[in-house]
Amino acid sequence: MNLTTIANPVDLLEAFTSVHEHWSPKVVARVNDQYVKVAKLFGQLVWHNHAHEDELFYIVRGELRMEYEGGRIVNLHEGSLHVVPRGVMHNPVADKECWIVLIESVTTKHTGDVESPLTKSLEQQLY
């Protein structure tokens, strides 16, 4: 193995210090065809889905409520991990600031095919 190809370690808690805007994920690493992102959330994003990609949420700080079409609600607390299946309408809601790690395919659009004032392009997400 060529040691120059080994990536530098990422301090996730340190990565959060440079996230200044809610609902603005930042890419901190890539694993194969997946991005690892950090984000700070507050309020609600927008109802959306990702037709072809699952989305993994890991709660680092705070709590997150994942609302699903049809009325299902999943409450996530610090240390919780949750996968939103592809094609499922969902809306993340944080009543207080929440820090998350996301693992998503590199093709995943921030708010799927829904455009909102909070939508971030992939270029805006690159750390």
C-alpha atoms as a PDB file:
ATOM      1  CA  MET A   1       0.000   0.000   0.000  1.00  0.00           C
ATOM      2  CA  ASN A   2       1.275   3.455  -0.899  1.00  0.00           C
ATOM      3  CA  LEU A   3       1.225   5.501   2.320  1.00  0.00           C
ATOM      4  CA  THR A   4       0.776   8.767   0.430  1.00  0.00           C
ATOM      5  CA  THR A   5      -2.706   7.613  -0.616  1.00  0.00           C
ATOM      6  CA  ILE A   6      -3.913   7.204   2.980  1.00  0.00           C
ATOM      7  CA  ALA A   7      -6.289  10.023   3.890  1.00  0.00           C
ATOM      8  CA  ASN A   8      -5.709  12.226   6.908  1.00  0.00           C
ATOM      9  CA  PRO A   9      -7.955  11.568   9.899  1.00  0.00           C
ATOM     10  CA  VAL A  10     -11.036  13.756  10.350  1.00  0.00           C
ATOM     11  CA  ASP A  11     -11.966  15.125  13.771  1.00  0.00           C
ATOM     12  CA  LEU A  12     -15.757  15.194  13.442  1.00  0.00           C
ATOM     13  CA  LEU A  13     -16.338  17.463  16.437  1.00  0.00           C
ATOM     14  CA  GLU A  14     -13.793  19.919  15.046  1.00  0.00           C
ATOM     15  CA  ALA A  15     -15.517  19.759  11.637  1.00  0.00           C
ATOM     16  CA  PHE A  16     -18.718  21.068  13.238  1.00  0.00           C
ATOM     17  CA  THR A  17     -16.949  24.278  14.311  1.00  0.00           C
ATOM     18  CA  SER A  18     -16.794  25.402  10.695  1.00  0.00           C
ATOM     19  CA  VAL A  19     -20.480  24.745   9.992  1.00  0.00           C
ATOM     20  CA  HIS A  20     -22.088  28.154  10.478  1.00  0.00           C
ATOM     21  CA  GLU A  21     -25.424  27.724   8.716  1.00  0.00           C
ATOM     22  CA  HIS A  22     -28.266  25.355   9.614  1.00  0.00           C
ATOM     23  CA  TRP A  23     -29.271  22.819   6.953  1.00  0.00           C
ATOM     24  CA  SER A  24     -25.953  23.266   5.131  1.00  0.00           C
ATOM     25  CA  PRO A  25     -24.190  19.864   5.065  1.00  0.00           C
ATOM     26  CA  LYS A  26     -20.420  19.807   4.556  1.00  0.00           C
ATOM     27  CA  VAL A  27     -18.573  16.854   3.023  1.00  0.00           C
ATOM     28  CA  VAL A  28     -15.748  15.715   5.311  1.00  0.00           C
ATOM     29  CA  ALA A  29     -14.823  12.357   3.737  1.00  0.00           C
ATOM     30  CA  ARG A  30     -15.575   9.948   0.933  1.00  0.00           C
ATOM     31  CA  VAL A  31     -15.871   6.168   1.250  1.00  0.00           C
ATOM     32  CA  ASN A  32     -16.162   4.511  -2.150  1.00  0.00           C
ATOM     33  CA  ASP A  33     -19.269   6.124  -3.689  1.00  0.00           C
ATOM     34  CA  GLN A  34     -20.543   7.566  -0.396  1.00  0.00           C
ATOM     35  CA  TYR A  35     -19.981  10.990   1.146  1.00  0.00           C
ATOM     36  CA  VAL A  36     -19.699  11.491   4.886  1.00  0.00           C
ATOM     37  CA  LYS A  37     -21.179  14.883   5.780  1.00  0.00           C
ATOM     38  CA  VAL A  38     -21.635  16.935   8.937  1.00  0.00           C
ATOM     39  CA  ALA A  39     -24.508  19.366   9.451  1.00  0.00           C
ATOM     40  CA  LYS A  40     -26.201  21.468  12.084  1.00  0.00           C
ATOM     41  CA  LEU A  41     -29.995  21.437  11.970  1.00  0.00           C
ATOM     42  CA  PHE A  42     -32.636  23.699  13.491  1.00  0.00           C
ATOM     43  CA  GLY A  43     -36.284  24.001  12.523  1.00  0.00           C
ATOM     44  CA  GLN A  44     -37.482  21.940   9.581  1.00  0.00           C
ATOM     45  CA  LEU A  45     -36.052  21.346   6.139  1.00  0.00           C
ATOM     46  CA  VAL A  46     -38.705  20.478   3.523  1.00  0.00           C
ATOM     47  CA  TRP A  47     -40.744  17.414   2.586  1.00  0.00           C
ATOM     48  CA  HIS A  48     -38.715  15.500   0.009  1.00  0.00           C
ATOM     49  CA  ASN A  49     -37.405  12.092  -1.028  1.00  0.00           C
ATOM     50  CA  HIS A  50     -34.392  10.622  -2.758  1.00  0.00           C
ATOM     51  CA  ALA A  51     -35.730   8.351  -5.493  1.00  0.00           C
ATOM     52  CA  HIS A  52     -32.601   6.204  -5.856  1.00  0.00           C
ATOM     53  CA  GLU A  53     -30.599   6.600  -2.640  1.00  0.00           C
ATOM     54  CA  ASP A  54     -30.947   5.667   1.026  1.00  0.00           C
ATOM     55  CA  GLU A  55     -29.788   8.251   3.580  1.00  0.00           C
ATOM     56  CA  LEU A  56     -28.115   7.483   6.918  1.00  0.00           C
ATOM     57  CA  PHE A  57     -28.514   9.940   9.817  1.00  0.00           C
ATOM     58  CA  TYR A  58     -26.345   9.664  12.955  1.00  0.00           C
ATOM     59  CA  ILE A  59     -27.181  12.061  15.797  1.00  0.00           C
ATOM     60  CA  VAL A  60     -24.051  13.504  17.413  1.00  0.00           C
ATOM     61  CA  ARG A  61     -25.752  16.157  19.595  1.00  0.00           C
ATOM     62  CA  GLY A  62     -29.353  16.976  20.342  1.00  0.00           C
ATOM     63  CA  GLU A  63     -32.502  15.358  18.995  1.00  0.00           C
ATOM     64  CA  LEU A  64     -34.127  15.008  15.588  1.00  0.00           C
ATOM     65  CA  ARG A  65     -37.659  14.104  14.618  1.00  0.00           C
ATOM     66  CA  MET A  66     -38.018  12.374  11.265  1.00  0.00           C
ATOM     67  CA  GLU A  67     -41.526  12.817   9.946  1.00  0.00           C
ATOM     68  CA  TYR A  68     -42.798  10.438   7.299  1.00  0.00           C
ATOM     69  CA  GLU A  69     -45.694  10.707   4.878  1.00  0.00           C
ATOM     70  CA  GLY A  70     -48.700   8.993   6.409  1.00  0.00           C
ATOM     71  CA  GLY A  71     -48.000  10.314   9.910  1.00  0.00           C
ATOM     72  CA  ARG A  72     -45.194   8.035  11.100  1.00  0.00           C
ATOM     73  CA  ILE A  73     -42.658   9.839  13.299  1.00  0.00           C
ATOM     74  CA  VAL A  74     -39.243   8.542  14.349  1.00  0.00           C
ATOM     75  CA  ASN A  75     -37.649  10.348  17.289  1.00  0.00           C
ATOM     76  CA  LEU A  76     -33.864  10.231  17.269  1.00  0.00           C
ATOM     77  CA  HIS A  77     -31.639  11.162  20.201  1.00  0.00           C
ATOM     78  CA  GLU A  78     -27.907  11.590  20.686  1.00  0.00           C
ATOM     79  CA  GLY A  79     -26.173   8.397  19.572  1.00  0.00           C
ATOM     80  CA  SER A  80     -29.111   7.216  17.396  1.00  0.00           C
ATOM     81  CA  LEU A  81     -28.602   6.031  13.850  1.00  0.00           C
ATOM     82  CA  HIS A  82     -31.460   5.924  11.350  1.00  0.00           C
ATOM     83  CA  VAL A  83     -31.707   5.085   7.663  1.00  0.00           C
ATOM     84  CA  VAL A  84     -34.305   6.810   5.497  1.00  0.00           C
ATOM     85  CA  PRO A  85     -35.138   4.406   2.668  1.00  0.00           C
ATOM     86  CA  ARG A  86     -34.956   5.573  -0.930  1.00  0.00           C
ATOM     87  CA  GLY A  87     -38.139   6.931  -2.422  1.00  0.00           C
ATOM     88  CA  VAL A  88     -39.801   7.645   0.937  1.00  0.00           C
ATOM     89  CA  MET A  89     -41.168  11.150   1.601  1.00  0.00           C
ATOM     90  CA  HIS A  90     -39.659  12.556   4.787  1.00  0.00           C
ATOM     91  CA  ASN A  91     -39.097  15.823   6.609  1.00  0.00           C
ATOM     92  CA  PRO A  92     -36.393  16.194   9.283  1.00  0.00           C
ATOM     93  CA  VAL A  93     -37.314  18.520  12.166  1.00  0.00           C
ATOM     94  CA  ALA A  94     -35.090  19.776  15.009  1.00  0.00           C
ATOM     95  CA  ASP A  95     -36.849  21.774  17.731  1.00  0.00           C
ATOM     96  CA  LYS A  96     -33.430  22.758  19.116  1.00  0.00           C
ATOM     97  CA  GLU A  97     -30.062  22.759  17.350  1.00  0.00           C
ATOM     98  CA  CYS A  98     -28.990  19.240  16.433  1.00  0.00           C
ATOM     99  CA  TRP A  99     -25.646  18.028  15.054  1.00  0.00           C
ATOM    100  CA  ILE A 100     -25.703  15.109  12.623  1.00  0.00           C
ATOM    101  CA  VAL A 101     -23.443  12.996  10.466  1.00  0.00           C
ATOM    102  CA  LEU A 102     -24.947  11.959   7.131  1.00  0.00           C
ATOM    103  CA  ILE A 103     -23.773   9.146   4.906  1.00  0.00           C
ATOM    104  CA  GLU A 104     -25.178   9.451   1.401  1.00  0.00           C
ATOM    105  CA  SER A 105     -24.359   8.377  -2.131  1.00  0.00           C
ATOM    106  CA  VAL A 106     -22.327  10.955  -4.025  1.00  0.00           C
ATOM    107  CA  THR A 107     -25.344  11.349  -6.329  1.00  0.00           C
ATOM    108  CA  THR A 108     -27.771  12.330  -3.528  1.00  0.00           C
ATOM    109  CA  LYS A 109     -29.312  15.767  -4.022  1.00  0.00           C
ATOM    110  CA  HIS A 110     -29.776  17.708  -0.780  1.00  0.00           C
ATOM    111  CA  THR A 111     -33.570  17.965  -1.027  1.00  0.00           C
ATOM    112  CA  GLY A 112     -34.167  15.476  -3.822  1.00  0.00           C
ATOM    113  CA  ASP A 113     -36.124  17.062  -6.673  1.00  0.00           C
ATOM    114  CA  VAL A 114     -37.656  19.689  -4.359  1.00  0.00           C
ATOM    115  CA  GLU A 115     -36.115  23.167  -4.499  1.00  0.00           C
ATOM    116  CA  SER A 116     -36.364  25.384  -1.425  1.00  0.00           C
ATOM    117  CA  PRO A 117     -34.446  28.387  -0.075  1.00  0.00           C
ATOM    118  CA  LEU A 118     -32.555  25.878   2.136  1.00  0.00           C
ATOM    119  CA  THR A 119     -31.466  23.604  -0.749  1.00  0.00           C
ATOM    120  CA  LYS A 120     -27.681  23.350  -1.125  1.00  0.00           C
ATOM    121  CA  SER A 121     -25.896  22.223  -4.280  1.00  0.00           C
ATOM    122  CA  LEU A 122     -23.158  19.620  -4.042  1.00  0.00           C
ATOM    123  CA  GLU A 123     -20.600  22.360  -4.717  1.00  0.00           C
ATOM    124  CA  GLN A 124     -21.879  24.243  -1.655  1.00  0.00           C
ATOM    125  CA  GLN A 125     -21.495  21.072   0.416  1.00  0.00           C
ATOM    126  CA  LEU A 126     -17.848  20.412  -0.416  1.00  0.00           C
ATOM    127  CA  TYR A 127     -15.869  21.112   2.750  1.00  0.00           C
END
